[in-house]
Every structure is written in structure tokens, then in C-alpha cells.
Amino acid sequence: MASMEDAHVYKLLTDDQWRAAEASGVTDVPIDREDGYVHFSTAEQVGETAAKYFSGLKDVRLVRFPVDRLPPLKWETSRGGQLFPHLYGRLQIAKADAVWRLARGEDGAPVMPEDMNDEPD
């Protein structure tokens, strides 16, 4: 169960969105612009988010952010009544502590890495 006690939150980006964020220093994703906040998922939610919004896409990145490196997050009810972490502000890509290029499963959905919850070296 997702909670405000989670140490990390996750952001999915296409390869183009990742490269643009590396160049500018901040993410700029259409759904975030439209909704007025940066969408994150918890470790428990990110697989479903990937399947729902990123199936069939090549070159999807999973970016992990330690909650304590970010401005305060607002936890709001969203899909299925779950609380999702949102950031009302700009997301600086330098705050990430890990990034993975995701493989696609047989169903076309991105596959989450086994080590996504491991602490960085």
C-alpha cells in the first residue's frame, strides 16, 4: 500500500522527455503541464502506471527520486482511490538518484527493474 512514508517516488519518461530534461535540467511532460503538477508514482503504483500510459512505447526511462531531496509532495487521491504523490513546481532532474531504461514485456508494457528499490552504491 502506497503511503506518505515511502522513501522514493518514481517518474516515467520517454527517451525524448529524458533527453530534454537532461538538457534543460527540469522535466517538461505534457500531462504535467496540463494538470498543473508533476505526476509521480510509488514503487507499488509505477508498474500499473507504466502499463496504462507507456505500453507499446520504446525507450521508456524509470527515474527514481528520494522524497527527502524534493520539495514537499502533496498526496492526492487519483486512480482507483489511491493516494499519488504530486509535486506542485518544477522537477529538477538532478534530484534523481537512479535511472533505468526499461525493457518491454510480451504484453508491450514496460517491465520494472528488480533493483528499483535498492539503495544506490
C-alpha atoms as a PDB file:
ATOM      1  CA  MET A   1       0.000   0.000   0.000  1.00  0.00           C
ATOM      2  CA  ALA A   2       1.375   3.378  -1.017  1.00  0.00           C
ATOM      3  CA  SER A   3       1.938   5.838   1.749  1.00  0.00           C
ATOM      4  CA  MET A   4       3.457   9.166   2.542  1.00  0.00           C
ATOM      5  CA  GLU A   5       6.213   7.225   4.339  1.00  0.00           C
ATOM      6  CA  ASP A   6       7.726   5.980   1.065  1.00  0.00           C
ATOM      7  CA  ALA A   7      11.414   6.922   0.749  1.00  0.00           C
ATOM      8  CA  HIS A   8      11.300   7.162  -3.062  1.00  0.00           C
ATOM      9  CA  VAL A   9       8.889   8.239  -5.769  1.00  0.00           C
ATOM     10  CA  TYR A  10       9.161   7.358  -9.452  1.00  0.00           C
ATOM     11  CA  LYS A  11       8.696   9.240 -12.710  1.00  0.00           C
ATOM     12  CA  LEU A  12       8.313   7.583 -16.103  1.00  0.00           C
ATOM     13  CA  LEU A  13       9.684   9.459 -19.100  1.00  0.00           C
ATOM     14  CA  THR A  14      10.049   8.655 -22.767  1.00  0.00           C
ATOM     15  CA  ASP A  15      13.594   8.771 -24.068  1.00  0.00           C
ATOM     16  CA  ASP A  16      12.853  12.127 -25.752  1.00  0.00           C
ATOM     17  CA  GLN A  17      11.465  13.543 -22.475  1.00  0.00           C
ATOM     18  CA  TRP A  18      14.548  12.244 -20.630  1.00  0.00           C
ATOM     19  CA  ARG A  19      16.958  13.841 -23.100  1.00  0.00           C
ATOM     20  CA  ALA A  20      15.051  17.151 -22.932  1.00  0.00           C
ATOM     21  CA  ALA A  21      15.182  17.034 -19.112  1.00  0.00           C
ATOM     22  CA  GLU A  22      18.915  16.353 -19.178  1.00  0.00           C
ATOM     23  CA  ALA A  23      19.388  19.349 -21.483  1.00  0.00           C
ATOM     24  CA  SER A  24      17.161  21.799 -19.575  1.00  0.00           C
ATOM     25  CA  GLY A  25      17.611  20.452 -16.035  1.00  0.00           C
ATOM     26  CA  VAL A  26      13.855  20.005 -15.462  1.00  0.00           C
ATOM     27  CA  THR A  27      11.149  17.690 -16.745  1.00  0.00           C
ATOM     28  CA  ASP A  28       8.548  19.032 -19.144  1.00  0.00           C
ATOM     29  CA  VAL A  29       5.832  16.464 -19.798  1.00  0.00           C
ATOM     30  CA  PRO A  30       2.504  17.304 -21.497  1.00  0.00           C
ATOM     31  CA  ILE A  31       0.274  15.680 -18.814  1.00  0.00           C
ATOM     32  CA  ASP A  32       2.156  17.557 -16.066  1.00  0.00           C
ATOM     33  CA  ARG A  33       1.716  20.879 -17.904  1.00  0.00           C
ATOM     34  CA  GLU A  34      -1.988  20.173 -18.485  1.00  0.00           C
ATOM     35  CA  ASP A  35      -2.690  19.148 -14.884  1.00  0.00           C
ATOM     36  CA  GLY A  36      -0.501  21.810 -13.251  1.00  0.00           C
ATOM     37  CA  TYR A  37       1.672  19.421 -11.238  1.00  0.00           C
ATOM     38  CA  VAL A  38       4.295  16.714 -11.710  1.00  0.00           C
ATOM     39  CA  HIS A  39       2.858  13.196 -11.570  1.00  0.00           C
ATOM     40  CA  PHE A  40       4.792  10.587  -9.593  1.00  0.00           C
ATOM     41  CA  SER A  41       4.060   7.004  -8.618  1.00  0.00           C
ATOM     42  CA  THR A  42       5.203   4.951  -5.657  1.00  0.00           C
ATOM     43  CA  ALA A  43       7.064   1.659  -6.129  1.00  0.00           C
ATOM     44  CA  GLU A  44       3.748  -0.168  -5.747  1.00  0.00           C
ATOM     45  CA  GLN A  45       1.961   2.043  -8.299  1.00  0.00           C
ATOM     46  CA  VAL A  46       4.556   2.543 -11.028  1.00  0.00           C
ATOM     47  CA  GLY A  47       4.050  -0.807 -12.786  1.00  0.00           C
ATOM     48  CA  GLU A  48       0.356  -0.080 -13.287  1.00  0.00           C
ATOM     49  CA  THR A  49       1.163   3.472 -14.418  1.00  0.00           C
ATOM     50  CA  ALA A  50       3.662   2.104 -16.943  1.00  0.00           C
ATOM     51  CA  ALA A  51       1.166  -0.424 -18.311  1.00  0.00           C
ATOM     52  CA  LYS A  52      -1.620   2.170 -18.553  1.00  0.00           C
ATOM     53  CA  TYR A  53       0.300   5.060 -20.130  1.00  0.00           C
ATOM     54  CA  PHE A  54       3.514   3.654 -21.650  1.00  0.00           C
ATOM     55  CA  SER A  55       2.531   0.307 -23.232  1.00  0.00           C
ATOM     56  CA  GLY A  56       3.883  -0.145 -26.727  1.00  0.00           C
ATOM     57  CA  LEU A  57       6.423   2.659 -26.380  1.00  0.00           C
ATOM     58  CA  LYS A  58      10.120   2.035 -26.908  1.00  0.00           C
ATOM     59  CA  ASP A  59      12.839   3.663 -24.836  1.00  0.00           C
ATOM     60  CA  VAL A  60      10.948   4.367 -21.617  1.00  0.00           C
ATOM     61  CA  ARG A  61      13.000   5.513 -18.628  1.00  0.00           C
ATOM     62  CA  LEU A  62      12.179   4.961 -14.975  1.00  0.00           C
ATOM     63  CA  VAL A  63      13.617   7.746 -12.834  1.00  0.00           C
ATOM     64  CA  ARG A  64      13.785   7.418  -9.040  1.00  0.00           C
ATOM     65  CA  PHE A  65      13.717  10.408  -6.714  1.00  0.00           C
ATOM     66  CA  PRO A  66      14.370  10.297  -2.961  1.00  0.00           C
ATOM     67  CA  VAL A  67      11.444  12.056  -1.299  1.00  0.00           C
ATOM     68  CA  ASP A  68      13.801  13.902   1.053  1.00  0.00           C
ATOM     69  CA  ARG A  69      15.537  15.582  -1.924  1.00  0.00           C
ATOM     70  CA  LEU A  70      12.292  17.041  -3.275  1.00  0.00           C
ATOM     71  CA  PRO A  71      10.142  19.961  -2.197  1.00  0.00           C
ATOM     72  CA  PRO A  72       7.153  18.786  -0.128  1.00  0.00           C
ATOM     73  CA  LEU A  73       4.877  16.481  -2.108  1.00  0.00           C
ATOM     74  CA  LYS A  74       1.110  16.613  -1.991  1.00  0.00           C
ATOM     75  CA  TRP A  75      -0.527  13.188  -1.732  1.00  0.00           C
ATOM     76  CA  GLU A  76      -3.831  13.247  -3.593  1.00  0.00           C
ATOM     77  CA  THR A  77      -6.488  10.696  -4.424  1.00  0.00           C
ATOM     78  CA  SER A  78      -6.353   9.518  -8.011  1.00  0.00           C
ATOM     79  CA  ARG A  79      -6.692   6.258  -9.959  1.00  0.00           C
ATOM     80  CA  GLY A  80      -8.686   3.688  -8.023  1.00  0.00           C
ATOM     81  CA  GLY A  81      -8.903   5.913  -4.957  1.00  0.00           C
ATOM     82  CA  GLN A  82      -5.166   5.529  -4.285  1.00  0.00           C
ATOM     83  CA  LEU A  83      -3.036   8.360  -2.934  1.00  0.00           C
ATOM     84  CA  PHE A  84      -0.494   9.504  -5.521  1.00  0.00           C
ATOM     85  CA  PRO A  85       2.428  11.856  -4.891  1.00  0.00           C
ATOM     86  CA  HIS A  86       2.296  15.149  -6.805  1.00  0.00           C
ATOM     87  CA  LEU A  87       4.793  17.989  -6.996  1.00  0.00           C
ATOM     88  CA  TYR A  88       3.444  21.493  -7.483  1.00  0.00           C
ATOM     89  CA  GLY A  89       6.545  23.028  -9.026  1.00  0.00           C
ATOM     90  CA  ARG A  90       9.414  22.194 -11.338  1.00  0.00           C
ATOM     91  CA  LEU A  91      11.084  18.787 -11.122  1.00  0.00           C
ATOM     92  CA  GLN A  92      14.861  19.106 -11.255  1.00  0.00           C
ATOM     93  CA  ILE A  93      16.298  16.007 -12.879  1.00  0.00           C
ATOM     94  CA  ALA A  94      19.487  16.351 -10.789  1.00  0.00           C
ATOM     95  CA  LYS A  95      17.445  15.317  -7.722  1.00  0.00           C
ATOM     96  CA  ALA A  96      17.192  11.759  -9.123  1.00  0.00           C
ATOM     97  CA  ASP A  97      19.355   9.054  -7.585  1.00  0.00           C
ATOM     98  CA  ALA A  98      18.770   6.317 -10.185  1.00  0.00           C
ATOM     99  CA  VAL A  99      17.514   5.851 -13.742  1.00  0.00           C
ATOM    100  CA  TRP A 100      16.761   2.738 -15.763  1.00  0.00           C
ATOM    101  CA  ARG A 101      15.972   2.149 -19.429  1.00  0.00           C
ATOM    102  CA  LEU A 102      13.043  -0.272 -19.279  1.00  0.00           C
ATOM    103  CA  ALA A 103      12.611  -3.392 -21.370  1.00  0.00           C
ATOM    104  CA  ARG A 104       9.205  -4.199 -22.815  1.00  0.00           C
ATOM    105  CA  GLY A 105       7.381  -7.307 -21.725  1.00  0.00           C
ATOM    106  CA  GLU A 106       5.484  -9.678 -24.006  1.00  0.00           C
ATOM    107  CA  ASP A 107       2.318  -7.629 -23.369  1.00  0.00           C
ATOM    108  CA  GLY A 108       4.053  -4.460 -24.599  1.00  0.00           C
ATOM    109  CA  ALA A 109       4.166  -2.839 -21.157  1.00  0.00           C
ATOM    110  CA  PRO A 110       7.461  -1.661 -19.679  1.00  0.00           C
ATOM    111  CA  VAL A 111       8.965  -4.130 -17.188  1.00  0.00           C
ATOM    112  CA  MET A 112      10.043  -2.725 -13.833  1.00  0.00           C
ATOM    113  CA  PRO A 113      13.660  -3.472 -12.846  1.00  0.00           C
ATOM    114  CA  GLU A 114      14.236  -5.894  -9.990  1.00  0.00           C
ATOM    115  CA  ASP A 115      16.646  -3.499  -8.290  1.00  0.00           C
ATOM    116  CA  MET A 116      14.398  -0.403  -8.352  1.00  0.00           C
ATOM    117  CA  ASN A 117      14.129  -0.333  -4.554  1.00  0.00           C
ATOM    118  CA  ASP A 118      17.830  -0.937  -3.876  1.00  0.00           C
ATOM    119  CA  GLU A 119      19.915   1.827  -2.375  1.00  0.00           C
ATOM    120  CA  PRO A 120      22.460   3.356  -4.767  1.00  0.00           C
ATOM    121  CA  ASP A 121      26.141   2.498  -4.361  1.00  0.00           C
END
